[in-house]
């Protein structure tokens, strides 16, 4: 390996980010005997989990699956305490991994990459840091994450406000700082859903400003029973293999029947059971056609809206909280006592659909319906997902210019890992990969493994430059668009489509054909000698065609599959 502070050495692998992606890339590079230098803008490891410290921050994928699978020893020695790990525990885990495998020394911290430039004559990437220093390497891997660049603040008149202002994406105060204050929370996505109940407990009054109501399922979070942890650890290798070939990177609960295959009473009974189970295998996964048939989806959506009215006492407030888009077409939220919070006497809800926000004064928020005096404003407005972190690196080649200009009409990638015109540049779980709709740690491991295998293949065959062909990229874009076009994702505005950022092209950001199917596609491409990938300008074939239709769609079926489903059910409550 190498010293990331040494400016003269040309390393094999440069990597931006020291979260799950960057640490695993460093581990793989060392295992393969490659020199490596990583750069992270934060003072330490953690990635998104270093920054997301707002009250209530936790993962929405169950802890026992949201973790690395590459080391059996690591799996056995680490014990998660809760079904859904809080931010602090996830950060402790990442630090443990960095220390256990001695990975921290390969990174330079508090170092922001401001430019990434391909030098074709030397066939290397040159990174420019905010300090003005430069570093060079043969391959550049972006491990900067999909949800790491905060969305630019687009709240009119915010500069007028003189009270406390804090963003969930860069939380820098204590919850105690909000005690006894009149607080406004703007935004009801995942971060807003998680922090609102806790802020309500300490605030004199909390006003929630909501633009689009979400489906907020009960997290059913609880301590993990020792017997459940022991059962999982005893079967971790088998469970991980099932996850690798499952639709979402977590143990699957296959269903084949459709919503109208059963009568109303049976459908209601199953939705009730799924609601109690919750998690990503809850209501939205109870029937096979819920993401494909709007009428079927409405049966689940109407059931859920009924739950809101059962919980929230004031029926006008309950109506304002009703989501009116297909269930599952945006990433569902998981919260604790979210809807119950609106029964508190010190909590009120303002619909920005009914009374749009017009400006702010020194002491309050002005909407078309009135003025709300507040002492503090919490901005829970989300991220510039997937492309924002990449564009921040200013990735540039002499022939094609900046990545953000090439992608002006939306991202175009090969497998979500490479993009034409940018040699030796790889994105870990980038746009048009399964990262958007999966257990992202599983997707990260698969991406790093595939990229590392491709680099090893190129080096073993005496090639220096790796680049996807434009034809293969076109094929993959067509595959992703055709796949999502069959679903209700395609007709729903969300951050999945970039709709939360003004001026961002509304193109879907992910591949939704399933983690397992994607893995099989990648495996088949490797088995065929990497069609669609040019090594020093030559590819075994320029296209991959409709390869998604040529590989097996079915999930791996193993004798232990039933046990995995039972474990998932136990963990799910």
Protein backbone atom coordinates (compact mmCIF):
# COMPACT_ATOMS: atom_id res chain seq x y z
CA UNK A 1 0.00 0.00 0.00
CA UNK A 2 1.06 3.62 0.17
CA UNK A 3 1.01 6.83 2.15
CA UNK A 4 -1.97 8.96 1.02
CA UNK A 5 0.05 12.06 1.92
CA UNK A 6 2.89 11.26 -0.51
CA UNK A 7 2.36 13.55 -3.54
CA UNK A 8 5.05 12.06 -5.80
CA UNK A 9 3.94 8.44 -6.08
CA UNK A 10 1.52 7.31 -8.79
CA UNK A 11 -0.69 4.79 -7.03
CA UNK A 12 -2.74 2.03 -8.57
CA UNK A 13 -6.05 3.07 -7.04
CA UNK A 14 -7.35 6.47 -5.98
CA UNK A 15 -10.61 6.50 -4.05
CA UNK A 16 -12.82 9.33 -2.84
CA UNK A 17 -14.79 8.62 0.33
CA UNK A 18 -14.16 6.70 3.54
CA UNK A 19 -17.58 5.23 4.20
CA UNK A 20 -18.67 1.69 3.43
CA UNK A 21 -17.50 2.01 -0.20
CA UNK A 22 -14.10 3.53 0.46
CA UNK A 23 -13.14 1.18 3.28
CA UNK A 24 -14.02 -1.92 1.30
CA UNK A 25 -12.14 -0.57 -1.72
CA UNK A 26 -9.05 -0.05 0.45
CA UNK A 27 -9.40 -3.58 1.81
CA UNK A 28 -9.71 -5.10 -1.68
CA UNK A 29 -6.78 -3.08 -3.03
CA UNK A 30 -4.53 -4.26 -0.22
CA UNK A 31 -5.67 -7.87 -0.63
CA UNK A 32 -4.72 -7.71 -4.30
CA UNK A 33 -1.38 -6.06 -3.67
CA UNK A 34 -2.25 -2.71 -5.25
CA UNK A 35 -1.14 0.68 -3.99
CA UNK A 36 -4.00 2.83 -2.77
CA UNK A 37 -4.69 6.37 -1.60
CA UNK A 38 -8.07 7.52 -0.29
CA UNK A 39 -9.40 10.99 0.42
CA UNK A 40 -12.26 11.99 2.70
CA UNK A 41 -13.61 15.47 3.44
CA UNK A 42 -14.71 14.50 6.95
CA UNK A 43 -12.20 14.29 9.82
CA UNK A 44 -12.64 10.52 10.09
CA UNK A 45 -14.26 7.44 8.56
CA UNK A 46 -18.01 6.95 8.33
CA UNK A 47 -19.21 8.60 5.14
CA UNK A 48 -22.89 9.49 5.39
CA UNK A 49 -22.97 8.06 8.91
CA UNK A 50 -20.32 10.52 10.05
CA UNK A 51 -22.51 13.47 9.07
CA UNK A 52 -26.06 12.24 9.75
CA UNK A 53 -26.22 12.91 13.48
CA UNK A 54 -29.67 14.46 13.72
CA UNK A 55 -31.95 13.19 16.52
CA UNK A 56 -33.42 9.79 15.69
CA UNK A 57 -31.09 9.05 12.78
CA UNK A 58 -30.96 5.33 12.08
CA UNK A 59 -30.87 2.90 9.19
CA UNK A 60 -34.07 1.60 7.59
CA UNK A 61 -32.46 -1.72 6.61
CA UNK A 62 -32.21 -4.22 9.43
CA UNK A 63 -28.84 -4.07 11.17
CA UNK A 64 -27.93 -7.72 10.75
CA UNK A 65 -28.06 -7.28 6.97
CA UNK A 66 -26.75 -3.70 6.78
CA UNK A 67 -23.16 -4.77 7.35
CA UNK A 68 -20.18 -6.26 5.54
CA UNK A 69 -20.19 -9.91 4.52
CA UNK A 70 -16.58 -10.26 3.36
CA UNK A 71 -15.19 -11.44 6.70
CA UNK A 72 -16.69 -14.31 8.66
CA UNK A 73 -14.63 -13.30 11.69
CA UNK A 74 -16.06 -9.77 11.55
CA UNK A 75 -19.60 -11.14 11.31
CA UNK A 76 -19.12 -13.31 14.37
CA UNK A 77 -17.41 -10.76 16.59
CA UNK A 78 -19.76 -7.82 16.02
CA UNK A 79 -23.17 -7.89 17.69
CA UNK A 80 -25.89 -5.43 16.76
CA UNK A 81 -28.04 -4.24 19.62
CA UNK A 82 -31.26 -3.24 17.82
CA UNK A 83 -33.34 -4.30 14.83
CA UNK A 84 -32.60 -0.94 13.15
CA UNK A 85 -29.26 0.43 14.28
CA UNK A 86 -29.00 4.09 15.31
CA UNK A 87 -26.43 6.34 13.68
CA UNK A 88 -23.99 6.16 16.59
CA UNK A 89 -23.90 2.37 16.52
CA UNK A 90 -23.39 2.24 12.75
CA UNK A 91 -20.54 4.74 13.09
CA UNK A 92 -18.99 2.60 15.85
CA UNK A 93 -19.22 -0.39 13.51
CA UNK A 94 -17.50 1.47 10.67
CA UNK A 95 -14.76 2.61 13.05
CA UNK A 96 -14.38 -0.96 14.28
CA UNK A 97 -13.92 -2.18 10.71
CA UNK A 98 -11.36 0.55 10.00
CA UNK A 99 -9.38 -0.37 13.12
CA UNK A 100 -9.71 -4.15 12.84
CA UNK A 101 -8.38 -4.20 9.28
CA UNK A 102 -6.00 -1.25 9.77
CA UNK A 103 -7.58 0.74 6.94
CA UNK A 104 -7.58 4.26 8.35
CA UNK A 105 -3.90 4.80 7.52
CA UNK A 106 -4.62 4.62 3.79
CA UNK A 107 -6.84 7.72 3.88
CA UNK A 108 -6.19 11.39 4.15
CA UNK A 109 -8.97 13.09 6.11
CA UNK A 110 -10.29 16.65 6.09
CA UNK A 111 -9.38 16.66 2.40
CA UNK A 112 -11.93 17.64 -0.21
CA UNK A 113 -11.39 16.65 -3.82
CA UNK A 114 -12.20 19.71 -5.95
CA UNK A 115 -11.11 18.38 -9.35
CA UNK A 116 -10.49 15.00 -10.97
CA UNK A 117 -8.73 15.18 -14.32
CA UNK A 118 -7.79 12.41 -16.76
CA UNK A 119 -4.31 12.87 -18.24
CA UNK A 120 -4.36 10.79 -21.45
CA UNK A 121 -0.63 11.00 -22.22
CA UNK A 122 0.29 9.57 -18.81
CA UNK A 123 -2.90 7.46 -18.62
CA UNK A 124 -3.52 8.50 -15.03
CA UNK A 125 -6.08 10.45 -13.03
CA UNK A 126 -4.98 13.53 -11.17
CA UNK A 127 -6.91 14.66 -8.12
CA UNK A 128 -6.70 18.24 -6.92
CA UNK A 129 -7.43 18.78 -3.23
CA UNK A 130 -8.82 21.87 -1.57
CA UNK A 131 -5.32 22.47 -0.22
CA UNK A 132 -4.04 22.84 -3.79
CA UNK A 133 -2.08 19.59 -3.61
CA UNK A 134 -2.45 16.94 -6.31
CA UNK A 135 -2.31 13.13 -6.32
CA UNK A 136 -2.13 10.76 -9.26
CA UNK A 137 -3.35 7.21 -9.78
CA UNK A 138 -4.13 4.74 -12.56
CA UNK A 139 -7.71 4.07 -11.57
CA UNK A 140 -10.19 6.40 -9.88
CA UNK A 141 -13.06 4.97 -7.84
CA UNK A 142 -15.80 7.26 -6.60
CA UNK A 143 -16.97 5.98 -3.23
CA UNK A 144 -18.61 9.25 -2.33
CA UNK A 145 -22.06 7.75 -1.78
CA UNK A 146 -25.49 8.34 -3.24
CA UNK A 147 -26.89 10.39 -0.35
CA UNK A 148 -23.96 12.49 0.80
CA UNK A 149 -24.39 15.87 -0.92
CA UNK A 150 -27.04 17.99 0.82
CA UNK A 151 -29.62 19.54 -1.44
CA UNK A 152 -29.09 23.26 -1.84
CA UNK A 153 -31.39 25.26 0.41
CA UNK A 154 -34.32 26.49 -1.68
CA UNK A 155 -36.39 28.03 1.12
CA UNK A 156 -37.34 31.61 0.16
CA UNK A 157 -36.29 34.30 2.59
CA UNK A 158 -34.26 32.02 4.86
CA UNK A 159 -31.51 34.64 5.02
CA UNK A 160 -33.95 36.93 6.84
CA UNK A 161 -34.41 34.59 9.78
CA UNK A 162 -32.25 35.42 12.81
CA UNK A 163 -33.09 32.45 15.03
CA UNK A 164 -31.45 29.02 15.07
CA UNK A 165 -31.24 27.28 11.69
CA UNK A 166 -29.97 23.72 11.35
CA UNK A 167 -30.06 21.09 8.63
CA UNK A 168 -30.58 17.39 9.29
CA UNK A 169 -27.85 16.61 6.75
CA UNK A 170 -25.27 18.65 8.69
CA UNK A 171 -26.64 18.63 12.24
CA UNK A 172 -24.46 20.74 14.53
CA UNK A 173 -26.52 21.41 17.65
CA UNK A 174 -27.80 19.43 20.61
CA UNK A 175 -31.44 18.41 20.91
CA UNK A 176 -31.31 20.28 24.22
CA UNK A 177 -30.75 23.47 22.24
CA UNK A 178 -34.36 23.17 21.06
CA UNK A 179 -35.81 22.66 24.54
CA UNK A 180 -38.62 25.08 25.31
CA UNK A 181 -38.46 26.71 21.91
CA UNK A 182 -40.96 27.19 19.13
CA UNK A 183 -39.55 24.95 16.41
CA UNK A 184 -40.40 24.51 12.74
CA UNK A 185 -39.41 21.42 10.78
CA UNK A 186 -39.54 21.84 7.01
CA UNK A 187 -39.67 18.49 5.23
CA UNK A 188 -41.17 15.09 5.98
CA UNK A 189 -38.86 12.64 4.23
CA UNK A 190 -36.87 10.04 6.16
CA UNK A 191 -34.82 12.48 8.23
CA UNK A 192 -37.84 14.61 9.08
CA UNK A 193 -39.88 11.54 10.01
CA UNK A 194 -37.14 10.35 12.36
CA UNK A 195 -36.44 13.64 14.13
CA UNK A 196 -39.96 15.10 14.42
CA UNK A 197 -41.15 12.89 17.34
CA UNK A 198 -38.01 13.60 19.36
CA UNK A 199 -38.12 17.35 18.74
CA UNK A 200 -41.79 17.37 19.74
CA UNK A 201 -40.84 15.96 23.14
CA UNK A 202 -38.63 18.94 24.02
CA UNK A 203 -40.11 21.86 22.06
CA UNK A 204 -42.56 24.34 23.51
CA UNK A 205 -44.37 24.03 20.19
CA UNK A 206 -43.49 22.21 16.98
CA UNK A 207 -44.90 23.19 13.60
CA UNK A 208 -44.32 20.68 10.82
CA UNK A 209 -44.32 22.12 7.30
CA UNK A 210 -45.18 19.34 4.87
CA UNK A 211 -45.18 19.51 1.10
CA UNK A 212 -45.68 15.85 0.17
CA UNK A 213 -46.98 13.39 2.80
CA UNK A 214 -45.17 10.06 2.81
CA UNK A 215 -46.04 6.53 3.77
CA UNK A 216 -44.53 6.22 7.24
CA UNK A 217 -44.62 2.66 8.50
CA UNK A 218 -44.01 1.80 12.15
CA UNK A 219 -40.38 0.75 12.46
CA UNK A 220 -41.18 -1.84 15.13
CA UNK A 221 -37.67 -1.23 16.36
CA UNK A 222 -36.62 -3.26 19.39
CA UNK A 223 -33.53 -4.77 20.99
CA UNK A 224 -32.32 -7.87 19.18
CA UNK A 225 -32.88 -10.93 21.32
CA UNK A 226 -29.69 -12.95 21.96
CA UNK A 227 -31.26 -16.10 20.51
CA UNK A 228 -32.06 -14.27 17.25
CA UNK A 229 -28.49 -12.95 17.03
CA UNK A 230 -27.08 -16.42 17.71
CA UNK A 231 -29.33 -17.96 15.06
CA UNK A 232 -28.27 -15.39 12.48
CA UNK A 233 -24.57 -15.73 13.28
CA UNK A 234 -24.74 -19.52 13.03
CA UNK A 235 -26.16 -19.19 9.51
CA UNK A 236 -24.56 -15.97 8.30
CA UNK A 237 -22.81 -17.49 5.25
CA UNK A 238 -26.05 -18.99 3.96
CA UNK A 239 -28.06 -15.88 4.80
CA UNK A 240 -25.56 -13.66 2.99
CA UNK A 241 -25.68 -15.87 -0.10
CA UNK A 242 -29.46 -15.59 -0.14
CA UNK A 243 -29.17 -11.81 0.21
CA UNK A 244 -26.74 -11.63 -2.73
CA UNK A 245 -29.30 -13.16 -5.07
CA UNK A 246 -32.47 -11.68 -3.57
CA UNK A 247 -34.45 -8.79 -5.06
CA UNK A 248 -33.44 -6.24 -2.41
CA UNK A 249 -30.25 -7.53 -0.82
CA UNK A 250 -32.13 -8.82 2.22
CA UNK A 251 -33.68 -12.26 2.78
CA UNK A 252 -36.67 -12.49 0.50
CA UNK A 253 -40.22 -13.44 1.28
CA UNK A 254 -41.43 -14.58 -2.16
CA UNK A 255 -45.05 -14.00 -3.08
CA UNK A 256 -46.70 -14.98 -6.35
CA UNK A 257 -50.37 -14.18 -5.87
CA UNK A 258 -51.88 -10.84 -6.86
CA UNK A 259 -53.98 -8.47 -4.83
CA UNK A 260 -57.25 -9.44 -6.49
CA UNK A 261 -56.55 -13.18 -6.30
CA UNK A 262 -58.05 -13.05 -2.79
CA UNK A 263 -61.27 -11.55 -1.47
CA UNK A 264 -61.50 -8.27 0.43
CA UNK A 265 -61.51 -9.91 3.84
CA UNK A 266 -58.44 -12.05 3.16
CA UNK A 267 -56.59 -9.12 1.61
CA UNK A 268 -57.33 -7.01 4.67
CA UNK A 269 -56.15 -9.80 6.97
CA UNK A 270 -52.86 -10.08 5.08
CA UNK A 271 -52.29 -6.33 5.06
CA UNK A 272 -52.86 -6.26 8.82
CA UNK A 273 -50.27 -9.00 9.34
CA UNK A 274 -47.82 -7.25 7.02
CA UNK A 275 -48.37 -3.93 8.82
CA UNK A 276 -47.52 -5.58 12.12
CA UNK A 277 -44.43 -7.18 10.56
CA UNK A 278 -43.39 -3.91 8.86
CA UNK A 279 -40.00 -3.44 7.22
CA UNK A 280 -39.35 -3.65 3.48
CA UNK A 281 -41.12 -7.00 3.41
CA UNK A 282 -44.26 -5.45 4.87
CA UNK A 283 -47.44 -4.12 3.26
CA UNK A 284 -45.81 -3.06 -0.01
CA UNK A 285 -44.44 -6.56 -0.60
CA UNK A 286 -47.56 -8.52 0.34
CA UNK A 287 -48.73 -9.14 -3.25
CA UNK A 288 -46.71 -9.60 -6.41
CA UNK A 289 -48.42 -6.88 -8.46
CA UNK A 290 -48.41 -3.92 -6.08
CA UNK A 291 -45.61 -2.08 -7.91
CA UNK A 292 -46.97 -2.89 -11.35
CA UNK A 293 -50.75 -2.43 -11.18
CA UNK A 294 -52.19 0.87 -10.00
CA UNK A 295 -55.57 -0.59 -9.05
CA UNK A 296 -53.90 -3.32 -7.00
CA UNK A 297 -51.61 -0.77 -5.39
CA UNK A 298 -54.59 1.34 -4.38
CA UNK A 299 -55.87 -1.50 -2.18
CA UNK A 300 -52.65 -1.27 -0.13
CA UNK A 301 -52.57 2.53 -0.20
CA UNK A 302 -56.17 2.79 0.99
CA UNK A 303 -55.47 0.32 3.79
CA UNK A 304 -52.56 2.45 4.91
CA UNK A 305 -54.51 5.70 4.76
CA UNK A 306 -57.07 4.04 7.00
CA UNK A 307 -54.31 3.36 9.52
CA UNK A 308 -53.47 7.07 9.62
CA UNK A 309 -57.08 7.90 10.46
CA UNK A 310 -57.09 5.25 13.17
CA UNK A 311 -54.01 6.78 14.83
CA UNK A 312 -54.45 10.54 14.35
CA UNK A 313 -57.34 11.95 16.40
CA UNK A 314 -57.97 15.12 14.40
CA UNK A 315 -59.41 13.91 11.12
CA UNK A 316 -58.48 17.04 9.18
CA UNK A 317 -54.85 16.54 10.20
CA UNK A 318 -55.13 12.85 9.30
CA UNK A 319 -56.39 13.81 5.84
CA UNK A 320 -53.45 16.19 5.35
CA UNK A 321 -51.10 13.32 6.25
CA UNK A 322 -52.58 10.99 3.62
CA UNK A 323 -50.09 10.12 0.85
CA UNK A 324 -51.66 10.30 -2.60
CA UNK A 325 -49.10 8.52 -4.75
CA UNK A 326 -48.68 4.76 -5.24
CA UNK A 327 -47.38 2.97 -2.16
CA UNK A 328 -43.75 1.98 -2.69
CA UNK A 329 -43.20 4.20 -5.74
CA UNK A 330 -41.11 6.44 -3.49
CA UNK A 331 -38.89 5.02 -0.78
CA UNK A 332 -41.16 4.34 2.17
CA UNK A 333 -40.22 5.80 5.54
CA UNK A 334 -40.03 3.99 8.86
CA UNK A 335 -40.62 5.88 12.05
CA UNK A 336 -41.39 5.55 15.73
CA UNK A 337 -44.55 7.29 16.93
CA UNK A 338 -44.60 9.56 13.88
CA UNK A 339 -48.34 9.77 13.39
CA UNK A 340 -48.92 9.62 17.15
CA UNK A 341 -46.86 12.80 17.47
CA UNK A 342 -49.63 14.77 15.74
CA UNK A 343 -51.91 13.97 18.68
CA UNK A 344 -49.72 16.03 20.98
CA UNK A 345 -51.18 19.43 21.96
CA UNK A 346 -47.88 21.15 21.17
CA UNK A 347 -47.68 19.91 17.55
CA UNK A 348 -49.38 21.36 14.49
CA UNK A 349 -49.20 20.57 10.78
CA UNK A 350 -49.07 23.00 7.88
CA UNK A 351 -49.62 21.73 4.35
CA UNK A 352 -47.45 23.65 1.91
CA UNK A 353 -49.74 22.38 -0.82
CA UNK A 354 -52.60 24.35 0.73
CA UNK A 355 -50.58 27.38 1.80
CA UNK A 356 -47.23 27.67 -0.01
CA UNK A 357 -44.29 29.21 1.83
CA UNK A 358 -43.68 32.71 0.51
CA UNK A 359 -40.86 34.12 2.64
CA UNK A 360 -39.41 34.42 6.13
CA UNK A 361 -39.08 37.26 8.56
CA UNK A 362 -36.52 37.69 11.34
CA UNK A 363 -38.77 35.71 13.65
CA UNK A 364 -41.01 33.52 11.57
CA UNK A 365 -42.22 31.72 8.46
CA UNK A 366 -44.74 33.36 6.14
CA UNK A 367 -47.11 31.28 4.02
CA UNK A 368 -50.08 32.28 1.90
CA UNK A 369 -52.20 31.31 4.91
CA UNK A 370 -50.46 33.32 7.62
CA UNK A 371 -47.32 33.88 9.68
CA UNK A 372 -45.84 31.34 12.08
CA UNK A 373 -43.55 32.76 14.74
CA UNK A 374 -40.68 30.37 15.57
CA UNK A 375 -37.36 30.40 17.40
CA UNK A 376 -35.65 27.64 15.42
CA UNK A 377 -35.96 26.09 11.95
CA UNK A 378 -34.91 22.53 11.12
CA UNK A 379 -34.37 21.92 7.40
CA UNK A 380 -35.10 18.30 6.53
CA UNK A 381 -34.96 18.86 2.78
CA UNK A 382 -32.88 15.90 1.65
CA UNK A 383 -30.02 15.35 -0.77
CA UNK A 384 -28.93 15.88 -4.34
CA UNK A 385 -28.94 12.13 -4.78
CA UNK A 386 -26.37 10.11 -6.72
CA UNK A 387 -25.25 12.71 -9.26
CA UNK A 388 -24.58 15.47 -6.72
CA UNK A 389 -21.63 13.69 -5.05
CA UNK A 390 -20.15 12.77 -8.45
CA UNK A 391 -20.48 16.25 -9.91
CA UNK A 392 -18.77 17.64 -6.81
CA UNK A 393 -15.60 15.80 -7.86
CA UNK A 394 -15.48 17.76 -11.15
CA UNK A 395 -14.56 14.65 -13.13
CA UNK A 396 -13.10 15.83 -16.44
CA UNK A 397 -11.45 14.40 -19.55
CA UNK A 398 -9.89 16.46 -22.38
CA UNK A 399 -12.09 14.84 -25.03
CA UNK A 400 -15.44 15.02 -23.26
CA UNK A 401 -15.18 17.78 -20.68
CA UNK A 402 -16.94 17.62 -17.32
CA UNK A 403 -19.15 14.73 -16.29
CA UNK A 404 -21.98 17.11 -15.31
CA UNK A 405 -21.98 18.53 -18.84
CA UNK A 406 -21.96 15.10 -20.47
CA UNK A 407 -24.87 14.13 -18.21
CA UNK A 408 -26.79 17.37 -18.74
CA UNK A 409 -29.86 15.38 -19.86
CA UNK A 410 -29.44 12.77 -17.13
CA UNK A 411 -26.94 10.07 -16.17
CA UNK A 412 -25.89 7.45 -18.71
CA UNK A 413 -23.84 4.56 -17.39
CA UNK A 414 -22.79 0.99 -18.00
CA UNK A 415 -24.08 -1.10 -15.08
CA UNK A 416 -24.05 2.00 -12.87
CA UNK A 417 -20.28 1.44 -12.63
CA UNK A 418 -18.71 3.14 -15.66
CA UNK A 419 -19.56 5.87 -18.15
CA UNK A 420 -18.37 6.23 -21.74
CA UNK A 421 -15.62 8.75 -22.38
CA UNK A 422 -14.15 8.54 -18.88
CA UNK A 423 -11.40 5.88 -18.93
CA UNK A 424 -10.35 4.07 -15.75
CA UNK A 425 -13.12 5.86 -13.82
CA UNK A 426 -15.51 3.76 -11.77
CA UNK A 427 -18.55 4.62 -9.66
CA UNK A 428 -19.29 2.40 -6.68
CA UNK A 429 -23.07 1.84 -6.61
CA UNK A 430 -23.63 4.79 -8.91
CA UNK A 431 -26.65 5.95 -10.93
CA UNK A 432 -28.45 3.09 -12.73
CA UNK A 433 -27.10 0.50 -10.30
CA UNK A 434 -29.40 -1.29 -7.80
CA UNK A 435 -28.16 0.95 -4.95
CA UNK A 436 -31.29 3.10 -4.94
CA UNK A 437 -33.65 0.22 -4.12
CA UNK A 438 -31.49 -2.20 -2.16
CA UNK A 439 -29.50 -2.94 0.95
CA UNK A 440 -26.72 -0.67 -0.23
CA UNK A 441 -23.91 -2.41 1.69
CA UNK A 442 -24.58 -5.60 -0.28
CA UNK A 443 -24.63 -3.58 -3.50
CA UNK A 444 -21.36 -1.85 -2.56
CA UNK A 445 -19.54 -5.14 -1.95
CA UNK A 446 -20.72 -6.55 -5.28
CA UNK A 447 -19.71 -3.38 -7.14
CA UNK A 448 -16.22 -3.22 -5.63
CA UNK A 449 -15.65 -6.93 -6.26
CA UNK A 450 -16.71 -6.65 -9.91
CA UNK A 451 -14.63 -3.53 -10.53
CA UNK A 452 -11.59 -5.09 -8.86
CA UNK A 453 -11.99 -8.28 -10.91
CA UNK A 454 -12.18 -6.20 -14.10
CA UNK A 455 -9.06 -4.25 -13.19
CA UNK A 456 -7.26 -7.51 -12.35
CA UNK A 457 -8.35 -8.96 -15.70
CA UNK A 458 -7.03 -5.93 -17.56
CA UNK A 459 -3.70 -6.00 -15.75
CA UNK A 460 -3.31 -9.75 -16.25
CA UNK A 461 -3.83 -9.36 -19.99
CA UNK A 462 -1.42 -6.43 -20.28
CA UNK A 463 -3.94 -3.62 -20.73
CA UNK A 464 -3.76 -0.19 -19.15
CA UNK A 465 -6.95 1.63 -20.12
CA UNK A 466 -10.46 0.41 -19.31
CA UNK A 467 -13.51 2.10 -20.77
CA UNK A 468 -17.07 1.13 -21.55
CA UNK A 469 -18.23 1.37 -25.15
CA UNK A 470 -20.98 3.89 -26.03
CA UNK A 471 -23.00 1.03 -27.52
CA UNK A 472 -22.95 -1.02 -24.32
CA UNK A 473 -23.83 2.06 -22.33
CA UNK A 474 -26.82 2.62 -24.61
CA UNK A 475 -27.84 -0.99 -24.05
CA UNK A 476 -27.70 -0.63 -20.28
CA UNK A 477 -29.64 2.63 -20.28
CA UNK A 478 -32.29 0.93 -22.41
CA UNK A 479 -32.41 -1.98 -19.97
CA UNK A 480 -32.83 0.28 -16.94
CA UNK A 481 -35.51 2.39 -18.61
CA UNK A 482 -37.40 -0.64 -19.91
CA UNK A 483 -37.28 -2.25 -16.47
CA UNK A 484 -38.49 0.77 -14.54
CA UNK A 485 -41.05 1.53 -17.25
CA UNK A 486 -42.98 -1.59 -16.23
CA UNK A 487 -43.41 -0.25 -12.69
CA UNK A 488 -45.22 2.54 -10.87
CA UNK A 489 -41.84 4.16 -10.15
CA UNK A 490 -41.93 5.51 -13.70
CA UNK A 491 -44.91 7.82 -13.16
CA UNK A 492 -44.08 9.13 -9.67
CA UNK A 493 -42.03 12.23 -8.91
CA UNK A 494 -39.43 11.64 -6.19
CA UNK A 495 -35.74 11.97 -5.45
CA UNK A 496 -35.47 8.62 -7.26
CA UNK A 497 -36.07 10.71 -10.40
CA UNK A 498 -34.25 13.85 -9.28
CA UNK A 499 -37.55 15.69 -8.88
CA UNK A 500 -36.55 17.16 -5.51
CA UNK A 501 -33.80 19.33 -7.02
CA UNK A 502 -34.77 22.29 -9.19
CA UNK A 503 -33.37 22.02 -12.71
CA UNK A 504 -32.23 18.42 -12.32
CA UNK A 505 -33.19 16.15 -15.23
CA UNK A 506 -36.08 13.87 -14.25
CA UNK A 507 -34.52 10.55 -15.11
CA UNK A 508 -34.81 7.51 -12.90
CA UNK A 509 -31.61 6.96 -10.92
CA UNK A 510 -31.56 3.21 -10.44
CA UNK A 511 -31.90 -0.30 -11.79
CA UNK A 512 -34.97 -1.94 -10.24
CA UNK A 513 -34.71 -5.44 -11.71
CA UNK A 514 -33.39 -6.77 -8.41
CA UNK A 515 -30.04 -7.21 -6.70
CA UNK A 516 -29.85 -10.89 -7.62
CA UNK A 517 -30.74 -10.39 -11.27
CA UNK A 518 -28.23 -7.55 -11.55
CA UNK A 519 -25.53 -9.73 -10.01
CA UNK A 520 -26.23 -12.47 -12.54
CA UNK A 521 -25.98 -9.95 -15.38
CA UNK A 522 -22.59 -8.78 -14.09
CA UNK A 523 -21.40 -12.36 -13.65
CA UNK A 524 -22.46 -13.23 -17.18
CA UNK A 525 -20.66 -10.21 -18.62
CA UNK A 526 -17.48 -11.27 -16.82
CA UNK A 527 -17.91 -14.88 -17.94
CA UNK A 528 -18.12 -13.74 -21.59
CA UNK A 529 -14.86 -11.81 -21.32
CA UNK A 530 -16.40 -8.40 -20.58
CA UNK A 531 -18.36 -7.46 -23.72
CA UNK A 532 -19.09 -3.75 -23.70
CA UNK A 533 -15.74 -2.98 -22.08
CA UNK A 534 -12.85 -1.79 -24.25
CA UNK A 535 -9.35 -2.61 -23.03
CA UNK A 536 -6.86 -0.27 -24.68
CA UNK A 537 -9.55 0.50 -27.24
CA UNK A 538 -10.63 -3.06 -28.09
CA UNK A 539 -13.64 -5.00 -26.78
CA UNK A 540 -14.57 -8.65 -27.30
CA UNK A 541 -17.94 -7.25 -28.38
CA UNK A 542 -19.18 -3.65 -28.35
CA UNK A 543 -22.69 -4.42 -27.09
CA UNK A 544 -24.44 -6.42 -24.40
CA UNK A 545 -27.84 -6.34 -26.10
CA UNK A 546 -30.78 -7.47 -23.98
CA UNK A 547 -28.60 -9.51 -21.68
CA UNK A 548 -31.09 -9.00 -18.87
CA UNK A 549 -33.46 -11.35 -20.72
CA UNK A 550 -30.77 -13.99 -21.20
CA UNK A 551 -29.88 -14.61 -17.56
CA UNK A 552 -31.97 -16.39 -14.96
CA UNK A 553 -34.51 -14.18 -13.19
CA UNK A 554 -35.25 -16.59 -10.37
CA UNK A 555 -33.83 -16.17 -6.91
CA UNK A 556 -31.50 -18.78 -5.52
CA UNK A 557 -33.52 -21.52 -3.85
CA UNK A 558 -31.66 -23.35 -1.12
CA UNK A 559 -32.65 -25.87 1.45
CA UNK A 560 -32.01 -23.26 4.10
CA UNK A 561 -34.20 -20.64 2.41
CA UNK A 562 -37.15 -21.44 4.65
CA UNK A 563 -34.95 -20.90 7.70
CA UNK A 564 -33.89 -17.50 6.38
CA UNK A 565 -37.50 -16.47 5.91
CA UNK A 566 -38.25 -17.54 9.46
CA UNK A 567 -35.31 -15.54 10.78
CA UNK A 568 -36.52 -12.47 8.89
CA UNK A 569 -39.98 -12.96 10.33
CA UNK A 570 -38.65 -13.29 13.87
CA UNK A 571 -36.54 -10.17 13.51
CA UNK A 572 -39.53 -8.41 11.98
CA UNK A 573 -41.53 -8.84 15.16
